[in-house]
Amino acid sequence: MHHHHEHGLGWTLDPLLTIPLALALLIYAAGWVRLSGRASSRPRPWLFLSGWLVLALSLVSPLHEAGERSFTMHMIEHELIMLVATLLLAASHAGGVLAWGLPKPLRNSLGGNWKTPLQAIWRRLTEPVTATAVQAAVMWAWHAPPLFNRALDSFGWHVLQHACFFMSSLLFWWAMLHPRSRSSGYGVSAACLFVTSMIGGALGALMSFSASPWYADYAAMGMTGIGLDPVDDQRLAGLIMWIPGGLVHGLAALGMFYKWLRASEQASGLGAPFARAQSDHFDAAALAAATPDSLDTSRPESRAAMSEKPAQK
């Protein structure tokens, strides 16, 4: 395995990981400072910062090296990325803040017509069914022994594996949390989340019930880093994917189902007494440059937002 330390676990401070993480944090901080002086209320950074922190610790803390000695620890790392970090980042509405953190020439370029093809790709990828299928394909493909063994043997392939997990799950959670049609979209999100719990649960169950280890590097260990033989280590990893992973998706499905019922009541005029309080969004004009919603000009609210200009200091 790559980056293996015989004595103790260390931090993985490779530039392939630390530079993108640091840039993302710096850009967000710059955008937050700029928007704080322009928006009617300051953007709340806690969801983004929490998601960034979970992602960073998953990738560079000793947990990463522990994953080279135990498949269970490796699975915990993957679950933190796909179930916690990307969920928080998708819920943070950070697109506009990140856009305002870019240098002015890059920020101004976001208003050009060149992005029209990208809008079409974004709309397609963030359709709930499409996003669900993409994440499922990525998860099953990378847990197949040929690709997983390659990731264990090569740091570059391991980075690619984590990038695929990160991007596919970020698209998935964005699609689930931000449906285009609230009346029906929450129902579709609930169904997709339920299906995802079944897909991940099936993969976890296969691992748990397997009589032999799937991956060569773990199979070669007489005893893994957590004191289990490779078969029991894999069974525990499968249970983590199966039960906690399924629980997160199942609870999210129930939340989306509840929102679908509320939206249906409001659409039929039955839910007026329970109308949803408006979330504390900051100045839409300040965000019009770059949030995925504002880039999607097919939405009426996006066209309204893009017609506004950021207030000058």
C-alpha atoms as a PDB file:
ATOM      1  CA  MET A   1       0.000   0.000   0.000  1.00  0.00           C
ATOM      2  CA  HIS A   2       1.040   3.605  -0.541  1.00  0.00           C
ATOM      3  CA  HIS A   3       2.185   5.982   2.186  1.00  0.00           C
ATOM      4  CA  HIS A   4       2.347   3.229   4.783  1.00  0.00           C
ATOM      5  CA  HIS A   5       4.011   4.056   8.089  1.00  0.00           C
ATOM      6  CA  GLU A   6       5.312   1.199  10.204  1.00  0.00           C
ATOM      7  CA  HIS A   7       5.135   3.112  13.465  1.00  0.00           C
ATOM      8  CA  GLY A   8       2.040   5.143  14.190  1.00  0.00           C
ATOM      9  CA  LEU A   9      -0.332   6.978  11.902  1.00  0.00           C
ATOM     10  CA  GLY A  10       0.483  10.295  10.303  1.00  0.00           C
ATOM     11  CA  TRP A  11      -1.278  13.083   8.451  1.00  0.00           C
ATOM     12  CA  THR A  12      -1.507  12.920   4.658  1.00  0.00           C
ATOM     13  CA  LEU A  13      -0.336  16.391   3.639  1.00  0.00           C
ATOM     14  CA  ASP A  14       0.074  15.756  -0.072  1.00  0.00           C
ATOM     15  CA  PRO A  15      -0.320  18.896  -2.270  1.00  0.00           C
ATOM     16  CA  LEU A  16      -2.916  17.065  -4.395  1.00  0.00           C
ATOM     17  CA  LEU A  17      -5.159  17.220  -1.331  1.00  0.00           C
ATOM     18  CA  THR A  18      -4.055  20.226   0.680  1.00  0.00           C
ATOM     19  CA  ILE A  19      -3.893  22.803  -2.137  1.00  0.00           C
ATOM     20  CA  PRO A  20      -7.498  22.319  -3.393  1.00  0.00           C
ATOM     21  CA  LEU A  21      -8.790  22.246   0.183  1.00  0.00           C
ATOM     22  CA  ALA A  22      -6.907  25.424   1.104  1.00  0.00           C
ATOM     23  CA  LEU A  23      -7.994  27.232  -2.072  1.00  0.00           C
ATOM     24  CA  ALA A  24     -11.632  26.382  -1.478  1.00  0.00           C
ATOM     25  CA  LEU A  25     -11.456  27.749   2.061  1.00  0.00           C
ATOM     26  CA  LEU A  26      -9.624  30.928   1.013  1.00  0.00           C
ATOM     27  CA  ILE A  27     -12.045  31.623  -1.841  1.00  0.00           C
ATOM     28  CA  TYR A  28     -15.029  31.109   0.453  1.00  0.00           C
ATOM     29  CA  ALA A  29     -13.508  33.411   3.100  1.00  0.00           C
ATOM     30  CA  ALA A  30     -12.877  36.141   0.511  1.00  0.00           C
ATOM     31  CA  GLY A  31     -16.428  35.814  -0.810  1.00  0.00           C
ATOM     32  CA  TRP A  32     -17.863  35.955   2.692  1.00  0.00           C
ATOM     33  CA  VAL A  33     -15.980  39.166   3.455  1.00  0.00           C
ATOM     34  CA  ARG A  34     -17.126  40.802   0.196  1.00  0.00           C
ATOM     35  CA  LEU A  35     -20.751  39.757   0.570  1.00  0.00           C
ATOM     36  CA  SER A  36     -20.872  40.788   4.212  1.00  0.00           C
ATOM     37  CA  GLY A  37     -20.454  44.394   3.090  1.00  0.00           C
ATOM     38  CA  ARG A  38     -23.037  44.156   0.283  1.00  0.00           C
ATOM     39  CA  ALA A  39     -25.831  41.832   1.359  1.00  0.00           C
ATOM     40  CA  SER A  40     -28.758  42.794   3.554  1.00  0.00           C
ATOM     41  CA  SER A  41     -27.680  40.107   6.026  1.00  0.00           C
ATOM     42  CA  ARG A  42     -24.425  38.248   6.358  1.00  0.00           C
ATOM     43  CA  PRO A  43     -24.225  34.781   4.806  1.00  0.00           C
ATOM     44  CA  ARG A  44     -24.076  32.108   7.467  1.00  0.00           C
ATOM     45  CA  PRO A  45     -20.940  30.030   6.892  1.00  0.00           C
ATOM     46  CA  TRP A  46     -21.465  27.222   9.377  1.00  0.00           C
ATOM     47  CA  LEU A  47     -22.794  24.578   7.017  1.00  0.00           C
ATOM     48  CA  PHE A  48     -19.998  25.167   4.517  1.00  0.00           C
ATOM     49  CA  LEU A  49     -17.277  25.296   7.177  1.00  0.00           C
ATOM     50  CA  SER A  50     -18.605  22.161   8.865  1.00  0.00           C
ATOM     51  CA  GLY A  51     -18.700  20.302   5.547  1.00  0.00           C
ATOM     52  CA  TRP A  52     -15.217  21.536   4.632  1.00  0.00           C
ATOM     53  CA  LEU A  53     -13.845  20.457   8.012  1.00  0.00           C
ATOM     54  CA  VAL A  54     -15.339  16.951   7.771  1.00  0.00           C
ATOM     55  CA  LEU A  55     -13.990  16.603   4.232  1.00  0.00           C
ATOM     56  CA  ALA A  56     -10.517  17.842   5.180  1.00  0.00           C
ATOM     57  CA  LEU A  57     -10.248  15.603   8.229  1.00  0.00           C
ATOM     58  CA  SER A  58     -11.442  12.599   6.235  1.00  0.00           C
ATOM     59  CA  LEU A  59      -8.760  13.103   3.600  1.00  0.00           C
ATOM     60  CA  VAL A  60      -5.691  14.292   5.507  1.00  0.00           C
ATOM     61  CA  SER A  61      -6.077  13.171   9.131  1.00  0.00           C
ATOM     62  CA  PRO A  62      -4.666   9.862  10.423  1.00  0.00           C
ATOM     63  CA  LEU A  63      -8.014   8.304   9.492  1.00  0.00           C
ATOM     64  CA  HIS A  64      -6.777   8.200   5.895  1.00  0.00           C
ATOM     65  CA  GLU A  65      -3.691   6.163   6.776  1.00  0.00           C
ATOM     66  CA  ALA A  66      -5.747   3.989   9.111  1.00  0.00           C
ATOM     67  CA  GLY A  67      -7.817   3.124   6.065  1.00  0.00           C
ATOM     68  CA  GLU A  68      -4.736   1.564   4.490  1.00  0.00           C
ATOM     69  CA  ARG A  69      -4.516  -0.886   7.382  1.00  0.00           C
ATOM     70  CA  SER A  70      -8.202  -1.625   7.833  1.00  0.00           C
ATOM     71  CA  PHE A  71     -11.071  -1.748   5.344  1.00  0.00           C
ATOM     72  CA  THR A  72     -13.436  -0.727   8.152  1.00  0.00           C
ATOM     73  CA  MET A  73     -11.524   2.520   8.682  1.00  0.00           C
ATOM     74  CA  HIS A  74     -11.435   3.031   4.924  1.00  0.00           C
ATOM     75  CA  MET A  75     -15.218   2.643   4.801  1.00  0.00           C
ATOM     76  CA  ILE A  76     -15.657   5.167   7.612  1.00  0.00           C
ATOM     77  CA  GLU A  77     -13.595   7.640   5.584  1.00  0.00           C
ATOM     78  CA  HIS A  78     -15.770   7.095   2.511  1.00  0.00           C
ATOM     79  CA  GLU A  79     -19.009   7.383   4.474  1.00  0.00           C
ATOM     80  CA  LEU A  80     -17.873  10.663   6.053  1.00  0.00           C
ATOM     81  CA  ILE A  81     -17.185  12.064   2.586  1.00  0.00           C
ATOM     82  CA  MET A  82     -20.382  10.835   0.910  1.00  0.00           C
ATOM     83  CA  LEU A  83     -22.895  11.069   3.770  1.00  0.00           C
ATOM     84  CA  VAL A  84     -21.708  13.976   5.906  1.00  0.00           C
ATOM     85  CA  ALA A  85     -19.321  16.348   4.119  1.00  0.00           C
ATOM     86  CA  THR A  86     -21.144  16.574   0.795  1.00  0.00           C
ATOM     87  CA  LEU A  87     -24.560  16.770   2.483  1.00  0.00           C
ATOM     88  CA  LEU A  88     -23.424  19.790   4.507  1.00  0.00           C
ATOM     89  CA  LEU A  89     -21.783  21.421   1.480  1.00  0.00           C
ATOM     90  CA  ALA A  90     -24.851  20.901  -0.719  1.00  0.00           C
ATOM     91  CA  ALA A  91     -27.076  22.390   1.987  1.00  0.00           C
ATOM     92  CA  SER A  92     -24.823  25.429   2.487  1.00  0.00           C
ATOM     93  CA  HIS A  93     -25.850  27.412  -0.646  1.00  0.00           C
ATOM     94  CA  ALA A  94     -22.171  28.290  -1.006  1.00  0.00           C
ATOM     95  CA  GLY A  95     -22.110  28.844  -4.781  1.00  0.00           C
ATOM     96  CA  GLY A  96     -22.645  32.583  -4.661  1.00  0.00           C
ATOM     97  CA  VAL A  97     -20.179  33.096  -1.815  1.00  0.00           C
ATOM     98  CA  LEU A  98     -17.520  31.131  -3.698  1.00  0.00           C
ATOM     99  CA  ALA A  99     -18.210  33.146  -6.857  1.00  0.00           C
ATOM    100  CA  TRP A 100     -17.744  36.429  -5.005  1.00  0.00           C
ATOM    101  CA  GLY A 101     -14.455  35.092  -3.651  1.00  0.00           C
ATOM    102  CA  LEU A 102     -13.012  34.829  -7.154  1.00  0.00           C
ATOM    103  CA  PRO A 103     -10.873  37.618  -8.665  1.00  0.00           C
ATOM    104  CA  LYS A 104     -13.017  40.245 -10.372  1.00  0.00           C
ATOM    105  CA  PRO A 105     -12.204  39.234 -13.991  1.00  0.00           C
ATOM    106  CA  LEU A 106     -13.218  35.641 -13.291  1.00  0.00           C
ATOM    107  CA  ARG A 107     -16.309  36.785 -11.410  1.00  0.00           C
ATOM    108  CA  ASN A 108     -17.403  39.022 -14.257  1.00  0.00           C
ATOM    109  CA  SER A 109     -16.903  36.218 -16.759  1.00  0.00           C
ATOM    110  CA  LEU A 110     -19.605  34.198 -14.995  1.00  0.00           C
ATOM    111  CA  GLY A 111     -22.198  36.447 -16.593  1.00  0.00           C
ATOM    112  CA  GLY A 112     -21.248  35.492 -20.154  1.00  0.00           C
ATOM    113  CA  ASN A 113     -23.191  33.347 -22.600  1.00  0.00           C
ATOM    114  CA  TRP A 114     -20.360  30.792 -22.736  1.00  0.00           C
ATOM    115  CA  LYS A 115     -21.891  28.971 -19.779  1.00  0.00           C
ATOM    116  CA  THR A 116     -25.124  28.034 -21.591  1.00  0.00           C
ATOM    117  CA  PRO A 117     -23.896  24.509 -22.494  1.00  0.00           C
ATOM    118  CA  LEU A 118     -22.710  24.051 -18.912  1.00  0.00           C
ATOM    119  CA  GLN A 119     -26.165  25.023 -17.670  1.00  0.00           C
ATOM    120  CA  ALA A 120     -27.689  22.256 -19.765  1.00  0.00           C
ATOM    121  CA  ILE A 121     -25.179  19.733 -18.402  1.00  0.00           C
ATOM    122  CA  TRP A 122     -25.783  20.920 -14.834  1.00  0.00           C
ATOM    123  CA  ARG A 123     -29.564  20.629 -15.236  1.00  0.00           C
ATOM    124  CA  ARG A 124     -29.223  17.103 -16.582  1.00  0.00           C
ATOM    125  CA  LEU A 125     -26.794  15.927 -13.906  1.00  0.00           C
ATOM    126  CA  THR A 126     -28.871  17.384 -11.078  1.00  0.00           C
ATOM    127  CA  GLU A 127     -32.089  15.695 -12.148  1.00  0.00           C
ATOM    128  CA  PRO A 128     -32.809  13.457  -9.130  1.00  0.00           C
ATOM    129  CA  VAL A 129     -33.003  10.211 -11.093  1.00  0.00           C
ATOM    130  CA  THR A 130     -29.837  11.017 -13.053  1.00  0.00           C
ATOM    131  CA  ALA A 131     -27.905  12.031  -9.939  1.00  0.00           C
ATOM    132  CA  THR A 132     -29.046   8.861  -8.180  1.00  0.00           C
ATOM    133  CA  ALA A 133     -27.909   6.688 -11.084  1.00  0.00           C
ATOM    134  CA  VAL A 134     -24.537   8.451 -11.337  1.00  0.00           C
ATOM    135  CA  GLN A 135     -23.785   8.059  -7.639  1.00  0.00           C
ATOM    136  CA  ALA A 136     -24.862   4.403  -7.664  1.00  0.00           C
ATOM    137  CA  ALA A 137     -22.653   3.649 -10.680  1.00  0.00           C
ATOM    138  CA  VAL A 138     -19.667   5.406  -9.091  1.00  0.00           C
ATOM    139  CA  MET A 139     -20.134   3.618  -5.769  1.00  0.00           C
ATOM    140  CA  TRP A 140     -20.457   0.136  -7.249  1.00  0.00           C
ATOM    141  CA  ALA A 141     -17.701   0.619  -9.849  1.00  0.00           C
ATOM    142  CA  TRP A 142     -15.115   1.861  -7.348  1.00  0.00           C
ATOM    143  CA  HIS A 143     -15.908  -0.912  -4.872  1.00  0.00           C
ATOM    144  CA  ALA A 144     -15.370  -3.558  -7.542  1.00  0.00           C
ATOM    145  CA  PRO A 145     -12.044  -5.312  -6.751  1.00  0.00           C
ATOM    146  CA  PRO A 146     -10.130  -4.242  -9.913  1.00  0.00           C
ATOM    147  CA  LEU A 147     -10.627  -0.508  -9.327  1.00  0.00           C
ATOM    148  CA  PHE A 148     -10.452  -0.639  -5.534  1.00  0.00           C
ATOM    149  CA  ASN A 149      -7.197  -2.620  -5.619  1.00  0.00           C
ATOM    150  CA  ARG A 150      -5.757  -0.067  -8.031  1.00  0.00           C
ATOM    151  CA  ALA A 151      -6.718   2.743  -5.653  1.00  0.00           C
ATOM    152  CA  LEU A 152      -5.026   0.944  -2.764  1.00  0.00           C
ATOM    153  CA  ASP A 153      -1.803   0.525  -4.761  1.00  0.00           C
ATOM    154  CA  SER A 154      -1.568   4.052  -6.210  1.00  0.00           C
ATOM    155  CA  PHE A 155      -1.938   7.378  -4.429  1.00  0.00           C
ATOM    156  CA  GLY A 156      -2.999   9.073  -7.676  1.00  0.00           C
ATOM    157  CA  TRP A 157      -5.743   6.504  -8.264  1.00  0.00           C
ATOM    158  CA  HIS A 158      -6.800   6.877  -4.641  1.00  0.00           C
ATOM    159  CA  VAL A 159      -7.185  10.631  -5.115  1.00  0.00           C
ATOM    160  CA  LEU A 160      -9.235   9.974  -8.260  1.00  0.00           C
ATOM    161  CA  GLN A 161     -11.438   7.529  -6.339  1.00  0.00           C
ATOM    162  CA  HIS A 162     -12.133  10.095  -3.635  1.00  0.00           C
ATOM    163  CA  ALA A 163     -12.751  12.820  -6.248  1.00  0.00           C
ATOM    164  CA  CYS A 164     -15.364  10.591  -7.907  1.00  0.00           C
ATOM    165  CA  PHE A 165     -17.015   9.853  -4.562  1.00  0.00           C
ATOM    166  CA  PHE A 166     -17.004  13.550  -3.669  1.00  0.00           C
ATOM    167  CA  MET A 167     -18.389  14.856  -6.970  1.00  0.00           C
ATOM    168  CA  SER A 168     -21.052  12.182  -7.416  1.00  0.00           C
ATOM    169  CA  SER A 169     -22.342  12.518  -3.860  1.00  0.00           C
ATOM    170  CA  LEU A 170     -22.271  16.326  -4.012  1.00  0.00           C
ATOM    171  CA  LEU A 171     -24.396  16.221  -7.182  1.00  0.00           C
ATOM    172  CA  PHE A 172     -26.677  13.677  -5.518  1.00  0.00           C
ATOM    173  CA  TRP A 173     -27.288  15.708  -2.379  1.00  0.00           C
ATOM    174  CA  TRP A 174     -27.734  18.917  -4.380  1.00  0.00           C
ATOM    175  CA  ALA A 175     -30.370  17.221  -6.523  1.00  0.00           C
ATOM    176  CA  MET A 176     -32.149  15.846  -3.451  1.00  0.00           C
ATOM    177  CA  LEU A 177     -32.152  19.078  -1.453  1.00  0.00           C
ATOM    178  CA  HIS A 178     -32.951  21.526  -4.274  1.00  0.00           C
ATOM    179  CA  PRO A 179     -35.700  20.055  -6.465  1.00  0.00           C
ATOM    180  CA  ARG A 180     -36.882  22.251  -9.300  1.00  0.00           C
ATOM    181  CA  SER A 181     -40.562  21.627  -8.576  1.00  0.00           C
ATOM    182  CA  ARG A 182     -41.448  21.665  -4.911  1.00  0.00           C
ATOM    183  CA  SER A 183     -44.910  20.200  -5.431  1.00  0.00           C
ATOM    184  CA  SER A 184     -43.557  16.995  -6.979  1.00  0.00           C
ATOM    185  CA  GLY A 185     -39.791  17.326  -6.598  1.00  0.00           C
ATOM    186  CA  TYR A 186     -39.697  16.487  -2.902  1.00  0.00           C
ATOM    187  CA  GLY A 187     -41.603  13.286  -3.623  1.00  0.00           C
ATOM    188  CA  VAL A 188     -39.101  12.316  -6.311  1.00  0.00           C
ATOM    189  CA  SER A 189     -36.238  13.096  -3.921  1.00  0.00           C
ATOM    190  CA  ALA A 190     -37.819  10.894  -1.252  1.00  0.00           C
ATOM    191  CA  ALA A 191     -38.115   8.011  -3.726  1.00  0.00           C
ATOM    192  CA  CYS A 192     -34.514   8.446  -4.915  1.00  0.00           C
ATOM    193  CA  LEU A 193     -33.204   8.533  -1.353  1.00  0.00           C
ATOM    194  CA  PHE A 194     -35.101   5.348  -0.541  1.00  0.00           C
ATOM    195  CA  VAL A 195     -33.709   3.646  -3.662  1.00  0.00           C
ATOM    196  CA  THR A 196     -30.199   4.806  -2.733  1.00  0.00           C
ATOM    197  CA  SER A 197     -30.550   3.268   0.718  1.00  0.00           C
ATOM    198  CA  MET A 198     -31.382  -0.023  -1.012  1.00  0.00           C
ATOM    199  CA  ILE A 199     -28.480   0.260  -3.464  1.00  0.00           C
ATOM    200  CA  GLY A 200     -25.900   1.015  -0.787  1.00  0.00           C
ATOM    201  CA  GLY A 201     -27.446  -1.540   1.540  1.00  0.00           C
ATOM    202  CA  ALA A 202     -27.179  -4.249  -1.111  1.00  0.00           C
ATOM    203  CA  LEU A 203     -23.481  -3.538  -1.643  1.00  0.00           C
ATOM    204  CA  GLY A 204     -22.857  -3.480   2.093  1.00  0.00           C
ATOM    205  CA  ALA A 205     -24.759  -6.732   2.549  1.00  0.00           C
ATOM    206  CA  LEU A 206     -22.682  -8.451  -0.135  1.00  0.00           C
ATOM    207  CA  MET A 207     -19.532  -7.412   1.694  1.00  0.00           C
ATOM    208  CA  SER A 208     -20.906  -8.512   5.067  1.00  0.00           C
ATOM    209  CA  PHE A 209     -21.965 -11.965   3.905  1.00  0.00           C
ATOM    210  CA  SER A 210     -18.891 -12.662   1.796  1.00  0.00           C
ATOM    211  CA  ALA A 211     -16.799 -15.582   3.057  1.00  0.00           C
ATOM    212  CA  SER A 212     -13.545 -14.172   1.674  1.00  0.00           C
ATOM    213  CA  PRO A 213     -12.001 -10.697   1.447  1.00  0.00           C
ATOM    214  CA  TRP A 214     -12.514  -8.851  -1.840  1.00  0.00           C
ATOM    215  CA  TYR A 215      -9.340  -6.787  -1.921  1.00  0.00           C
ATOM    216  CA  ALA A 216      -5.841  -8.191  -2.293  1.00  0.00           C
ATOM    217  CA  ASP A 217      -3.984  -5.788   0.009  1.00  0.00           C
ATOM    218  CA  TYR A 218      -6.351  -6.404   2.921  1.00  0.00           C
ATOM    219  CA  ALA A 219      -6.446 -10.153   2.213  1.00  0.00           C
ATOM    220  CA  ALA A 220      -2.640 -10.282   2.513  1.00  0.00           C
ATOM    221  CA  MET A 221      -2.793  -8.980   6.075  1.00  0.00           C
ATOM    222  CA  GLY A 222      -2.763 -11.604   8.782  1.00  0.00           C
ATOM    223  CA  MET A 223      -4.445  -9.082  11.058  1.00  0.00           C
ATOM    224  CA  THR A 224      -5.805  -5.645  10.119  1.00  0.00           C
ATOM    225  CA  GLY A 225      -5.050  -2.441  11.974  1.00  0.00           C
ATOM    226  CA  ILE A 226      -8.091  -2.735  14.234  1.00  0.00           C
ATOM    227  CA  GLY A 227      -7.315  -6.252  15.411  1.00  0.00           C
ATOM    228  CA  LEU A 228      -9.654  -8.178  13.112  1.00  0.00           C
ATOM    229  CA  ASP A 229      -8.803 -10.715  10.451  1.00  0.00           C
ATOM    230  CA  PRO A 230      -9.482  -9.532   6.876  1.00  0.00           C
ATOM    231  CA  VAL A 231     -12.834 -11.339   6.581  1.00  0.00           C
ATOM    232  CA  ASP A 232     -14.288  -9.903   9.799  1.00  0.00           C
ATOM    233  CA  ASP A 233     -12.839  -6.487   8.946  1.00  0.00           C
ATOM    234  CA  GLN A 234     -14.676  -6.558   5.619  1.00  0.00           C
ATOM    235  CA  ARG A 235     -17.886  -7.729   7.298  1.00  0.00           C
ATOM    236  CA  LEU A 236     -17.763  -4.817   9.720  1.00  0.00           C
ATOM    237  CA  ALA A 237     -17.084  -2.387   6.848  1.00  0.00           C
ATOM    238  CA  GLY A 238     -20.077  -3.791   4.983  1.00  0.00           C
ATOM    239  CA  LEU A 239     -22.286  -3.334   8.036  1.00  0.00           C
ATOM    240  CA  ILE A 240     -21.189   0.323   8.276  1.00  0.00           C
ATOM    241  CA  MET A 241     -22.180   0.899   4.656  1.00  0.00           C
ATOM    242  CA  TRP A 242     -25.389  -1.073   5.064  1.00  0.00           C
ATOM    243  CA  ILE A 243     -26.850   0.162   8.366  1.00  0.00           C
ATOM    244  CA  PRO A 244     -25.589   3.700   9.177  1.00  0.00           C
ATOM    245  CA  GLY A 245     -25.510   4.548   5.452  1.00  0.00           C
ATOM    246  CA  GLY A 246     -29.017   3.249   4.922  1.00  0.00           C
ATOM    247  CA  LEU A 247     -30.212   5.045   8.048  1.00  0.00           C
ATOM    248  CA  VAL A 248     -28.956   8.432   6.804  1.00  0.00           C
ATOM    249  CA  HIS A 249     -30.621   7.999   3.425  1.00  0.00           C
ATOM    250  CA  GLY A 250     -33.789   6.627   5.027  1.00  0.00           C
ATOM    251  CA  LEU A 251     -34.122   9.552   7.434  1.00  0.00           C
ATOM    252  CA  ALA A 252     -33.460  11.995   4.593  1.00  0.00           C
ATOM    253  CA  ALA A 253     -36.174  10.222   2.563  1.00  0.00           C
ATOM    254  CA  LEU A 254     -38.652  10.703   5.411  1.00  0.00           C
ATOM    255  CA  GLY A 255     -37.717  14.378   5.599  1.00  0.00           C
ATOM    256  CA  MET A 256     -38.285  14.842   1.869  1.00  0.00           C
ATOM    257  CA  PHE A 257     -41.576  12.916   2.080  1.00  0.00           C
ATOM    258  CA  TYR A 258     -42.747  15.277   4.826  1.00  0.00           C
ATOM    259  CA  LYS A 259     -41.791  18.288   2.711  1.00  0.00           C
ATOM    260  CA  TRP A 260     -43.666  16.788  -0.234  1.00  0.00           C
ATOM    261  CA  LEU A 261     -46.822  16.449   1.904  1.00  0.00           C
ATOM    262  CA  ARG A 262     -46.480  20.042   3.103  1.00  0.00           C
ATOM    263  CA  ALA A 263     -45.919  21.340  -0.426  1.00  0.00           C
ATOM    264  CA  SER A 264     -48.932  19.376  -1.679  1.00  0.00           C
ATOM    265  CA  GLU A 265     -51.109  20.832   1.081  1.00  0.00           C
ATOM    266  CA  GLN A 266     -49.989  24.344   0.288  1.00  0.00           C
ATOM    267  CA  ALA A 267     -50.555  23.832  -3.435  1.00  0.00           C
ATOM    268  CA  SER A 268     -54.098  22.656  -2.763  1.00  0.00           C
ATOM    269  CA  GLY A 269     -54.781  25.537  -0.373  1.00  0.00           C
ATOM    270  CA  LEU A 270     -55.007  23.301   2.701  1.00  0.00           C
ATOM    271  CA  GLY A 271     -51.705  24.233   4.196  1.00  0.00           C
ATOM    272  CA  ALA A 272     -51.988  28.004   4.475  1.00  0.00           C
ATOM    273  CA  PRO A 273     -52.023  27.989   8.311  1.00  0.00           C
ATOM    274  CA  PHE A 274     -48.814  25.988   8.219  1.00  0.00           C
ATOM    275  CA  ALA A 275     -47.040  27.975   5.537  1.00  0.00           C
ATOM    276  CA  ARG A 276     -43.344  27.439   5.631  1.00  0.00           C
ATOM    277  CA  ALA A 277     -41.333  30.337   7.067  1.00  0.00           C
ATOM    278  CA  GLN A 278     -38.994  31.840   4.573  1.00  0.00           C
ATOM    279  CA  SER A 279     -35.376  30.848   5.147  1.00  0.00           C
ATOM    280  CA  ASP A 280     -32.917  33.557   6.068  1.00  0.00           C
ATOM    281  CA  HIS A 281     -31.436  34.082   2.631  1.00  0.00           C
ATOM    282  CA  PHE A 282     -29.214  37.066   2.103  1.00  0.00           C
ATOM    283  CA  ASP A 283     -29.441  39.531  -0.763  1.00  0.00           C
ATOM    284  CA  ALA A 284     -30.368  37.591  -3.919  1.00  0.00           C
ATOM    285  CA  ALA A 285     -28.813  40.272  -6.075  1.00  0.00           C
ATOM    286  CA  ALA A 286     -25.464  39.670  -4.437  1.00  0.00           C
ATOM    287  CA  LEU A 287     -25.649  36.003  -5.295  1.00  0.00           C
ATOM    288  CA  ALA A 288     -26.963  36.343  -8.821  1.00  0.00           C
ATOM    289  CA  ALA A 289     -23.477  35.967 -10.262  1.00  0.00           C
ATOM    290  CA  ALA A 290     -22.936  32.319  -9.633  1.00  0.00           C
ATOM    291  CA  THR A 291     -25.173  30.062  -7.588  1.00  0.00           C
ATOM    292  CA  PRO A 292     -26.266  27.018  -9.581  1.00  0.00           C
ATOM    293  CA  ASP A 293     -29.868  28.195  -9.175  1.00  0.00           C
ATOM    294  CA  SER A 294     -29.043  31.587 -10.644  1.00  0.00           C
ATOM    295  CA  LEU A 295     -27.049  29.994 -13.452  1.00  0.00           C
ATOM    296  CA  ASP A 296     -30.161  27.996 -14.341  1.00  0.00           C
ATOM    297  CA  THR A 297     -32.036  30.633 -16.279  1.00  0.00           C
ATOM    298  CA  SER A 298     -34.908  28.247 -16.930  1.00  0.00           C
ATOM    299  CA  ARG A 299     -36.243  29.039 -13.461  1.00  0.00           C
ATOM    300  CA  PRO A 300     -38.397  32.173 -13.028  1.00  0.00           C
ATOM    301  CA  GLU A 301     -36.701  33.098  -9.774  1.00  0.00           C
ATOM    302  CA  SER A 302     -33.312  32.806 -11.448  1.00  0.00           C
ATOM    303  CA  ARG A 303     -34.288  35.208 -14.238  1.00  0.00           C
ATOM    304  CA  ALA A 304     -35.522  37.685 -11.623  1.00  0.00           C
ATOM    305  CA  ALA A 305     -32.308  37.422  -9.631  1.00  0.00           C
ATOM    306  CA  MET A 306     -30.064  37.825 -12.674  1.00  0.00           C
ATOM    307  CA  SER A 307     -31.848  41.026 -13.646  1.00  0.00           C
ATOM    308  CA  GLU A 308     -30.594  42.673 -10.479  1.00  0.00           C
ATOM    309  CA  LYS A 309     -27.135  44.147  -9.960  1.00  0.00           C
ATOM    310  CA  PRO A 310     -24.979  43.961  -6.837  1.00  0.00           C
ATOM    311  CA  ALA A 311     -25.199  47.097  -4.763  1.00  0.00           C
ATOM    312  CA  GLN A 312     -22.107  49.241  -4.808  1.00  0.00           C
ATOM    313  CA  LYS A 313     -20.336  50.089  -1.587  1.00  0.00           C
END
